Amino acid sequence: MYSQIDLAMKTLLNLKNLYAAFGMMLILVSCEPNEDHVAETDITATNAMATITPADLEGEWRLSAMNTDTVVDLNSDGVFNSNILLETDCFADMGVVFSPGGNMTTTNAKLDFKSGVSNNDFECLSGRTDTGLWDVENQNEEERLIITMTIDGDTHTHKRVLERTTNTFAFEIHKLESQQYYGNPDGTDAQDVTVLSLEYTRVN
């Protein structure tokens, strides 16, 4: 019989591979750039600042929110949240460093709901790092982060539309991409999740 936490963990999606890894989320799904548009209100807020340059993102950033469009209860405390970081500390150390000159390093985490001998155990895998190249661009009144990484011998370049404030940036991962990271959610309280939004806050 599973403990309450084990059952709660399995209830959130049968998350076989919830990769919250920053680099993986940017590049593994397809070789085509994400053309999704930022909402009109977000574009207005973004354009209120100066046009983005690499200097605006240089430095260290820490994951500050991982929002779903459907509330979930990972820790089985009866409180449902749209921000997964309020449900688990697995991603507490996840972040990215954008270095001058175009190099980047990411610290990643993963929720594995199919670990153990019987594939029924929950495990948080953290501390993995990946490296790659980064740049930014302004196109059609949108600010985009461009990431190039090599994972398992395959190199991909992806673009993500940014929602940005002075000290934060965020981008969305949609349903087809999300399923790459949390498996088959059918029959769970997360089966209707269609969007994950990752927000990063500047550390220095």
Protein backbone atom coordinates (compact mmCIF):
# COMPACT_ATOMS: atom_id res chain seq x y z
CA MET A 1 0.00 0.00 0.00
CA TYR A 2 1.32 3.40 -0.93
CA SER A 3 1.81 6.18 1.56
CA GLN A 4 -0.37 9.27 1.24
CA ILE A 5 2.47 11.18 -0.39
CA ASP A 6 3.13 8.37 -2.85
CA LEU A 7 -0.51 8.34 -3.87
CA ALA A 8 -0.56 12.10 -4.21
CA MET A 9 2.52 12.00 -6.35
CA LYS A 10 1.00 9.41 -8.63
CA THR A 11 -2.20 11.44 -8.72
CA LEU A 12 -0.36 14.33 -10.33
CA LEU A 13 -0.16 12.95 -13.80
CA ASN A 14 1.68 9.69 -13.52
CA LEU A 15 4.49 12.07 -14.25
CA LYS A 16 6.82 9.55 -15.72
CA ASN A 17 9.19 12.24 -16.86
CA LEU A 18 8.35 15.71 -15.59
CA TYR A 19 11.47 17.39 -16.90
CA ALA A 20 11.53 20.85 -15.58
CA ALA A 21 15.00 21.15 -16.92
CA PHE A 22 15.29 24.59 -18.43
CA GLY A 23 17.40 23.54 -21.38
CA MET A 24 15.43 20.36 -22.06
CA MET A 25 12.14 22.20 -22.12
CA LEU A 26 13.57 24.63 -24.62
CA ILE A 27 14.91 22.12 -27.10
CA LEU A 28 13.66 18.52 -26.93
CA VAL A 29 10.18 18.80 -28.37
CA SER A 30 10.85 19.87 -31.93
CA CYS A 31 13.30 21.64 -34.15
CA GLU A 32 10.77 24.33 -35.00
CA PRO A 33 10.72 27.58 -33.02
CA ASN A 34 7.73 28.28 -30.80
CA GLU A 35 5.63 30.88 -32.60
CA ASP A 36 3.07 31.31 -29.83
CA HIS A 37 2.20 34.95 -29.21
CA VAL A 38 2.34 36.66 -25.86
CA ALA A 39 -1.04 37.97 -24.76
CA GLU A 40 -1.75 41.56 -25.79
CA THR A 41 -1.52 42.81 -22.21
CA ASP A 42 1.89 41.16 -21.79
CA ILE A 43 3.16 42.63 -25.05
CA THR A 44 2.12 46.05 -23.80
CA ALA A 45 4.00 45.55 -20.54
CA THR A 46 7.07 44.23 -22.35
CA ASN A 47 7.16 47.06 -24.86
CA ALA A 48 7.01 49.57 -22.02
CA MET A 49 10.66 48.71 -21.38
CA ALA A 50 13.57 49.31 -23.72
CA THR A 51 14.13 46.78 -26.51
CA ILE A 52 15.84 43.71 -25.12
CA THR A 53 19.59 43.24 -25.53
CA PRO A 54 21.86 40.41 -24.33
CA ALA A 55 22.98 42.62 -21.44
CA ASP A 56 19.41 42.54 -20.08
CA LEU A 57 19.64 38.79 -19.46
CA GLU A 58 23.31 38.36 -18.57
CA GLY A 59 23.70 37.00 -15.05
CA GLU A 60 22.21 34.32 -12.80
CA TRP A 61 18.51 33.49 -12.67
CA ARG A 62 16.58 31.13 -10.36
CA LEU A 63 13.31 29.37 -11.13
CA SER A 64 10.64 31.26 -9.17
CA ALA A 65 7.40 29.77 -10.52
CA MET A 66 6.24 26.73 -12.50
CA ASN A 67 2.60 27.46 -13.22
CA THR A 68 -0.02 25.15 -14.68
CA ASP A 69 -3.38 26.25 -16.04
CA THR A 70 -5.08 23.68 -13.77
CA VAL A 71 -4.55 23.56 -10.00
CA VAL A 72 -2.97 20.40 -8.53
CA ASP A 73 -2.27 18.95 -5.09
CA LEU A 74 1.12 17.22 -5.20
CA ASN A 75 1.71 16.92 -1.46
CA SER A 76 -1.83 15.75 -0.61
CA ASP A 77 -2.39 18.48 1.99
CA GLY A 78 -5.81 19.35 0.61
CA VAL A 79 -4.58 22.67 -0.79
CA PHE A 80 -4.48 22.97 -4.57
CA ASN A 81 -2.03 25.31 -6.29
CA SER A 82 -1.31 26.32 -9.86
CA ASN A 83 2.36 26.88 -8.93
CA ILE A 84 4.08 23.49 -8.64
CA LEU A 85 6.85 25.06 -6.55
CA LEU A 86 4.31 25.39 -3.73
CA GLU A 87 3.72 21.62 -3.89
CA THR A 88 7.31 20.29 -3.93
CA ASP A 89 10.83 21.54 -3.25
CA CYS A 90 12.28 19.36 -6.02
CA PHE A 91 12.95 22.41 -8.20
CA ALA A 92 14.30 24.70 -5.46
CA ASP A 93 17.81 24.88 -6.96
CA MET A 94 16.87 25.02 -10.63
CA GLY A 95 18.28 27.98 -12.53
CA VAL A 96 20.32 29.31 -15.42
CA VAL A 97 23.41 31.47 -15.84
CA PHE A 98 23.67 33.56 -19.02
CA SER A 99 27.32 34.49 -19.48
CA PRO A 100 28.63 37.40 -21.57
CA GLY A 101 29.70 36.19 -25.00
CA GLY A 102 26.82 33.75 -25.45
CA ASN A 103 27.58 30.76 -23.21
CA MET A 104 25.03 29.43 -20.72
CA THR A 105 24.81 26.84 -17.95
CA THR A 106 21.59 25.39 -16.56
CA THR A 107 20.92 23.53 -13.30
CA ASN A 108 18.05 21.13 -13.78
CA ALA A 109 15.62 18.91 -11.90
CA LYS A 110 13.27 16.07 -12.75
CA LEU A 111 10.27 14.44 -11.08
CA ASP A 112 10.28 10.70 -11.74
CA PHE A 113 7.10 8.87 -10.75
CA LYS A 114 8.25 5.53 -12.15
CA SER A 115 11.42 4.88 -10.17
CA GLY A 116 12.33 1.93 -7.97
CA VAL A 117 12.34 -1.79 -8.66
CA SER A 118 8.57 -1.95 -9.21
CA ASN A 119 8.37 1.41 -11.01
CA ASN A 120 6.00 2.63 -8.32
CA ASP A 121 8.29 4.92 -6.31
CA PHE A 122 8.55 8.71 -6.49
CA GLU A 123 11.98 10.28 -6.80
CA CYS A 124 13.29 13.80 -7.24
CA LEU A 125 16.38 13.92 -9.42
CA SER A 126 18.25 17.20 -9.18
CA GLY A 127 21.68 18.70 -9.62
CA ARG A 128 22.20 17.89 -13.32
CA THR A 129 23.81 20.65 -15.38
CA ASP A 130 23.74 21.34 -19.11
CA THR A 131 25.60 23.90 -21.19
CA GLY A 132 24.84 25.65 -24.44
CA LEU A 133 24.68 28.94 -26.32
CA TRP A 134 22.14 31.75 -26.01
CA ASP A 135 21.12 35.03 -27.63
CA VAL A 136 18.08 37.33 -27.78
CA GLU A 137 16.21 38.95 -30.63
CA ASN A 138 13.33 41.35 -31.22
CA GLN A 139 10.94 40.30 -33.97
CA ASN A 140 7.41 41.47 -34.80
CA GLU A 141 7.15 43.32 -31.48
CA GLU A 142 8.10 40.15 -29.58
CA GLU A 143 11.18 39.50 -27.49
CA ARG A 144 12.66 36.04 -28.00
CA LEU A 145 15.26 33.97 -26.22
CA ILE A 146 17.31 31.80 -28.58
CA ILE A 147 18.87 28.66 -27.09
CA THR A 148 21.20 26.13 -28.74
CA MET A 149 22.06 22.96 -26.82
CA THR A 150 23.44 19.50 -27.50
CA ILE A 151 21.70 16.73 -25.54
CA ASP A 152 22.64 13.06 -26.10
CA GLY A 153 24.55 14.02 -29.25
CA ASP A 154 21.67 15.93 -30.86
CA THR A 155 21.95 19.71 -31.31
CA HIS A 156 18.85 21.87 -31.59
CA THR A 157 18.12 25.59 -31.66
CA HIS A 158 14.84 26.88 -30.28
CA LYS A 159 13.24 30.27 -29.79
CA ARG A 160 10.88 31.20 -26.95
CA VAL A 161 8.72 34.29 -26.74
CA LEU A 162 9.49 36.05 -23.47
CA GLU A 163 7.23 37.77 -20.99
CA ARG A 164 9.63 40.09 -19.20
CA THR A 165 9.82 42.55 -16.34
CA THR A 166 12.90 44.26 -14.95
CA ASN A 167 13.82 41.29 -12.72
CA THR A 168 11.93 38.34 -14.26
CA PHE A 169 11.38 36.55 -17.53
CA ALA A 170 8.92 33.77 -18.35
CA PHE A 171 7.93 31.56 -21.26
CA GLU A 172 5.23 28.96 -21.89
CA ILE A 173 5.36 25.25 -22.71
CA HIS A 174 2.14 23.98 -24.27
CA LYS A 175 0.28 20.67 -24.07
CA LEU A 176 2.16 18.62 -26.67
CA GLU A 177 5.45 19.72 -25.14
CA SER A 178 4.25 19.27 -21.56
CA GLN A 179 3.37 15.65 -22.21
CA GLN A 180 7.05 15.03 -22.90
CA TYR A 181 7.73 15.86 -19.26
CA TYR A 182 4.84 14.51 -17.23
CA GLY A 183 3.78 11.42 -19.12
CA ASN A 184 0.15 10.38 -19.49
CA PRO A 185 -2.05 12.36 -17.06
CA ASP A 186 -5.32 10.59 -17.98
CA GLY A 187 -7.40 9.83 -14.92
CA THR A 188 -5.59 12.34 -12.69
CA ASP A 189 -6.42 15.85 -11.53
CA ALA A 190 -3.87 17.12 -14.04
CA GLN A 191 -5.35 15.59 -17.17
CA ASP A 192 -6.68 18.99 -18.22
CA VAL A 193 -3.36 20.81 -17.87
CA THR A 194 -2.54 22.34 -21.24
CA VAL A 195 0.14 24.91 -20.36
CA LEU A 196 3.21 25.08 -18.16
CA SER A 197 4.73 28.51 -17.66
CA LEU A 198 8.25 28.82 -16.27
CA GLU A 199 9.26 32.07 -14.55
CA TYR A 200 12.83 32.96 -13.61
CA THR A 201 13.89 35.74 -11.23
CA ARG A 202 17.29 37.46 -11.30
CA VAL A 203 19.72 36.45 -8.56
CA ASN A 204 22.57 38.72 -9.64
